[in-house]
């Protein structure tokens, strides 16, 4: 799945739970979002801010529901 699609789905997942999060994305995911690279990456590097516990837990649940296993 393209990084934009994954991030959009995760954004909808957070919104449905009343959670808001803004971050600075770097690395391969950032290049994919900008359309500079089409190489797939398995992670999303966040420069700022440190991920709050609530976001980490939501990410684990998101992956479990979408892929059927944990991070």
N, C-alpha and C. Protein backbone atom coordinates (compact mmCIF):
# COMPACT_ATOMS: atom_id res chain seq x y z
N UNK A 1 0.83 -1.17 0.00
CA UNK A 1 0.00 0.00 0.00
C UNK A 1 0.88 1.24 0.00
N UNK A 2 0.52 2.24 -0.76
CA UNK A 2 1.26 3.49 -0.85
C UNK A 2 1.22 4.22 0.49
N UNK A 3 2.33 4.87 0.89
CA UNK A 3 2.35 5.57 2.18
C UNK A 3 1.20 6.56 2.35
N UNK A 4 0.84 7.26 1.30
CA UNK A 4 -0.28 8.23 1.43
C UNK A 4 -1.57 7.53 1.81
N UNK A 5 -1.82 6.37 1.23
CA UNK A 5 -3.04 5.63 1.55
C UNK A 5 -3.02 5.15 3.00
N UNK A 6 -1.88 4.64 3.42
CA UNK A 6 -1.75 4.16 4.80
C UNK A 6 -1.94 5.29 5.79
N UNK A 7 -1.30 6.42 5.54
CA UNK A 7 -1.42 7.55 6.46
C UNK A 7 -2.85 8.09 6.45
N UNK A 8 -3.49 8.13 5.30
CA UNK A 8 -4.88 8.59 5.24
C UNK A 8 -5.78 7.66 6.05
N UNK A 9 -5.59 6.35 5.90
CA UNK A 9 -6.39 5.39 6.67
C UNK A 9 -6.11 5.51 8.16
N UNK A 10 -4.85 5.70 8.54
CA UNK A 10 -4.51 5.86 9.95
C UNK A 10 -5.12 7.16 10.49
N UNK A 11 -5.10 8.21 9.69
CA UNK A 11 -5.71 9.48 10.09
C UNK A 11 -7.21 9.29 10.36
N UNK A 12 -7.90 8.57 9.48
CA UNK A 12 -9.32 8.29 9.68
C UNK A 12 -9.54 7.45 10.93
N UNK A 13 -8.64 6.50 11.16
CA UNK A 13 -8.69 5.63 12.33
C UNK A 13 -8.58 6.48 13.60
N UNK A 14 -7.62 7.42 13.62
CA UNK A 14 -7.45 8.30 14.78
C UNK A 14 -8.65 9.22 14.96
N UNK A 15 -9.14 9.79 13.86
CA UNK A 15 -10.27 10.71 13.91
C UNK A 15 -11.50 10.02 14.50
N UNK A 16 -11.73 8.78 14.11
CA UNK A 16 -12.88 8.04 14.63
C UNK A 16 -12.78 7.85 16.15
N UNK A 17 -11.58 7.92 16.69
CA UNK A 17 -11.36 7.77 18.13
C UNK A 17 -11.19 9.11 18.83
N UNK A 18 -11.34 10.20 18.08
CA UNK A 18 -11.21 11.53 18.67
C UNK A 18 -9.78 11.90 19.00
N UNK A 19 -8.82 11.31 18.28
CA UNK A 19 -7.40 11.56 18.52
C UNK A 19 -6.84 12.41 17.38
N UNK A 20 -6.07 13.43 17.73
CA UNK A 20 -5.42 14.28 16.73
C UNK A 20 -3.91 14.22 16.95
N UNK A 21 -3.16 14.13 15.84
CA UNK A 21 -1.70 14.06 15.95
C UNK A 21 -1.07 14.68 14.71
N UNK A 22 -0.12 15.56 14.91
CA UNK A 22 0.65 16.16 13.82
C UNK A 22 2.12 15.89 14.09
N UNK A 23 2.86 15.54 13.02
CA UNK A 23 4.26 15.20 13.19
C UNK A 23 5.04 15.57 11.93
N UNK A 24 6.35 15.63 12.07
CA UNK A 24 7.26 15.84 10.96
C UNK A 24 7.81 14.48 10.55
N UNK A 25 7.49 14.06 9.32
CA UNK A 25 7.92 12.76 8.81
C UNK A 25 9.22 12.93 8.03
N UNK A 26 10.17 12.01 8.24
CA UNK A 26 11.45 12.05 7.53
C UNK A 26 11.73 10.68 6.94
N UNK A 27 12.81 10.56 6.19
CA UNK A 27 13.25 9.27 5.67
C UNK A 27 12.47 8.82 4.45
N UNK A 28 12.43 7.50 4.27
CA UNK A 28 11.80 6.90 3.09
C UNK A 28 10.33 7.23 2.96
N UNK A 29 9.60 7.26 4.07
CA UNK A 29 8.18 7.59 4.00
C UNK A 29 7.99 9.01 3.50
N UNK A 30 8.81 9.94 3.97
CA UNK A 30 8.71 11.33 3.52
C UNK A 30 8.96 11.42 2.02
N UNK A 31 9.96 10.70 1.54
CA UNK A 31 10.24 10.71 0.10
C UNK A 31 9.09 10.12 -0.69
N UNK A 32 8.46 9.08 -0.17
CA UNK A 32 7.30 8.49 -0.82
C UNK A 32 6.12 9.44 -0.86
N UNK A 33 5.89 10.13 0.26
CA UNK A 33 4.78 11.09 0.32
C UNK A 33 4.98 12.24 -0.65
N UNK A 34 6.23 12.63 -0.86
CA UNK A 34 6.54 13.72 -1.79
C UNK A 34 6.56 13.26 -3.25
N UNK A 35 6.49 11.95 -3.46
CA UNK A 35 6.54 11.43 -4.82
C UNK A 35 7.94 11.34 -5.39
N UNK A 36 8.96 11.50 -4.54
CA UNK A 36 10.35 11.45 -4.97
C UNK A 36 10.81 10.02 -5.16
N UNK A 37 10.27 9.11 -4.36
CA UNK A 37 10.68 7.71 -4.40
C UNK A 37 9.45 6.81 -4.39
N UNK A 38 9.55 5.70 -5.09
CA UNK A 38 8.45 4.73 -5.07
C UNK A 38 8.84 3.48 -4.28
N UNK A 39 10.04 3.50 -3.72
CA UNK A 39 10.51 2.37 -2.93
C UNK A 39 9.67 2.24 -1.66
N UNK A 40 9.20 1.04 -1.36
CA UNK A 40 8.38 0.84 -0.18
C UNK A 40 9.24 0.79 1.07
N UNK A 41 8.67 1.24 2.17
CA UNK A 41 9.34 1.21 3.45
C UNK A 41 8.41 0.55 4.46
N UNK A 42 8.98 -0.03 5.49
CA UNK A 42 8.18 -0.74 6.48
C UNK A 42 7.93 0.09 7.73
N UNK A 43 8.52 1.27 7.78
CA UNK A 43 8.33 2.11 8.96
C UNK A 43 8.11 3.55 8.56
N UNK A 44 7.80 4.36 9.52
CA UNK A 44 7.59 5.79 9.29
C UNK A 44 8.40 6.52 10.35
N UNK A 45 9.47 7.18 9.93
CA UNK A 45 10.34 7.89 10.86
C UNK A 45 9.75 9.26 11.17
N UNK A 46 9.57 9.53 12.45
CA UNK A 46 9.02 10.80 12.92
C UNK A 46 10.13 11.59 13.60
N UNK A 47 10.40 12.80 13.10
CA UNK A 47 11.43 13.65 13.68
C UNK A 47 10.91 14.34 14.94
N UNK A 48 9.69 14.83 14.86
CA UNK A 48 9.12 15.59 15.97
C UNK A 48 7.62 15.49 15.92
N UNK A 49 6.91 15.38 16.98
CA UNK A 49 7.34 15.20 18.37
C UNK A 49 7.54 13.73 18.69
N UNK A 50 7.99 13.46 19.90
CA UNK A 50 8.06 12.07 20.35
C UNK A 50 6.63 11.53 20.36
N UNK A 51 6.48 10.29 19.94
CA UNK A 51 5.14 9.71 19.87
C UNK A 51 4.54 9.51 21.26
N UNK A 52 3.38 10.10 21.50
CA UNK A 52 2.71 9.87 22.79
C UNK A 52 2.24 8.42 22.90
N UNK A 53 2.08 7.96 24.11
CA UNK A 53 1.62 6.59 24.37
C UNK A 53 0.31 6.31 23.63
N UNK A 54 -0.60 7.26 23.64
CA UNK A 54 -1.91 7.10 22.99
C UNK A 54 -1.76 6.80 21.49
N UNK A 55 -0.80 7.44 20.83
CA UNK A 55 -0.57 7.23 19.40
C UNK A 55 0.08 5.87 19.17
N UNK A 56 1.04 5.50 20.01
CA UNK A 56 1.68 4.19 19.87
C UNK A 56 0.66 3.06 20.02
N UNK A 57 -0.23 3.18 21.00
CA UNK A 57 -1.27 2.17 21.19
C UNK A 57 -2.24 2.14 20.02
N UNK A 58 -2.62 3.30 19.51
CA UNK A 58 -3.52 3.37 18.36
C UNK A 58 -2.85 2.74 17.13
N UNK A 59 -1.56 2.97 16.96
CA UNK A 59 -0.83 2.39 15.82
C UNK A 59 -0.81 0.86 15.91
N UNK A 60 -0.60 0.33 17.11
CA UNK A 60 -0.62 -1.13 17.28
C UNK A 60 -1.99 -1.71 16.93
N UNK A 61 -3.04 -1.04 17.41
CA UNK A 61 -4.39 -1.52 17.11
C UNK A 61 -4.69 -1.42 15.62
N UNK A 62 -4.26 -0.32 14.99
CA UNK A 62 -4.46 -0.12 13.55
C UNK A 62 -3.83 -1.26 12.75
N UNK A 63 -2.58 -1.59 13.09
CA UNK A 63 -1.87 -2.66 12.38
C UNK A 63 -2.56 -4.00 12.62
N UNK A 64 -2.94 -4.28 13.84
CA UNK A 64 -3.62 -5.55 14.13
C UNK A 64 -4.90 -5.68 13.32
N UNK A 65 -5.68 -4.62 13.25
CA UNK A 65 -6.94 -4.68 12.51
C UNK A 65 -6.72 -4.78 11.01
N UNK A 66 -5.68 -4.12 10.51
CA UNK A 66 -5.44 -4.11 9.06
C UNK A 66 -4.67 -5.33 8.57
N UNK A 67 -3.71 -5.79 9.36
CA UNK A 67 -2.83 -6.86 8.92
C UNK A 67 -3.00 -8.15 9.69
N UNK A 68 -3.70 -8.11 10.81
CA UNK A 68 -3.93 -9.32 11.58
C UNK A 68 -2.79 -9.71 12.48
N UNK A 69 -1.81 -8.81 12.67
CA UNK A 69 -0.72 -9.09 13.61
C UNK A 69 -0.16 -7.79 14.15
N UNK A 70 0.64 -7.86 15.19
CA UNK A 70 1.20 -6.69 15.82
C UNK A 70 2.36 -6.09 15.04
N UNK A 71 2.87 -5.01 15.57
CA UNK A 71 4.00 -4.33 14.92
C UNK A 71 5.27 -5.15 15.05
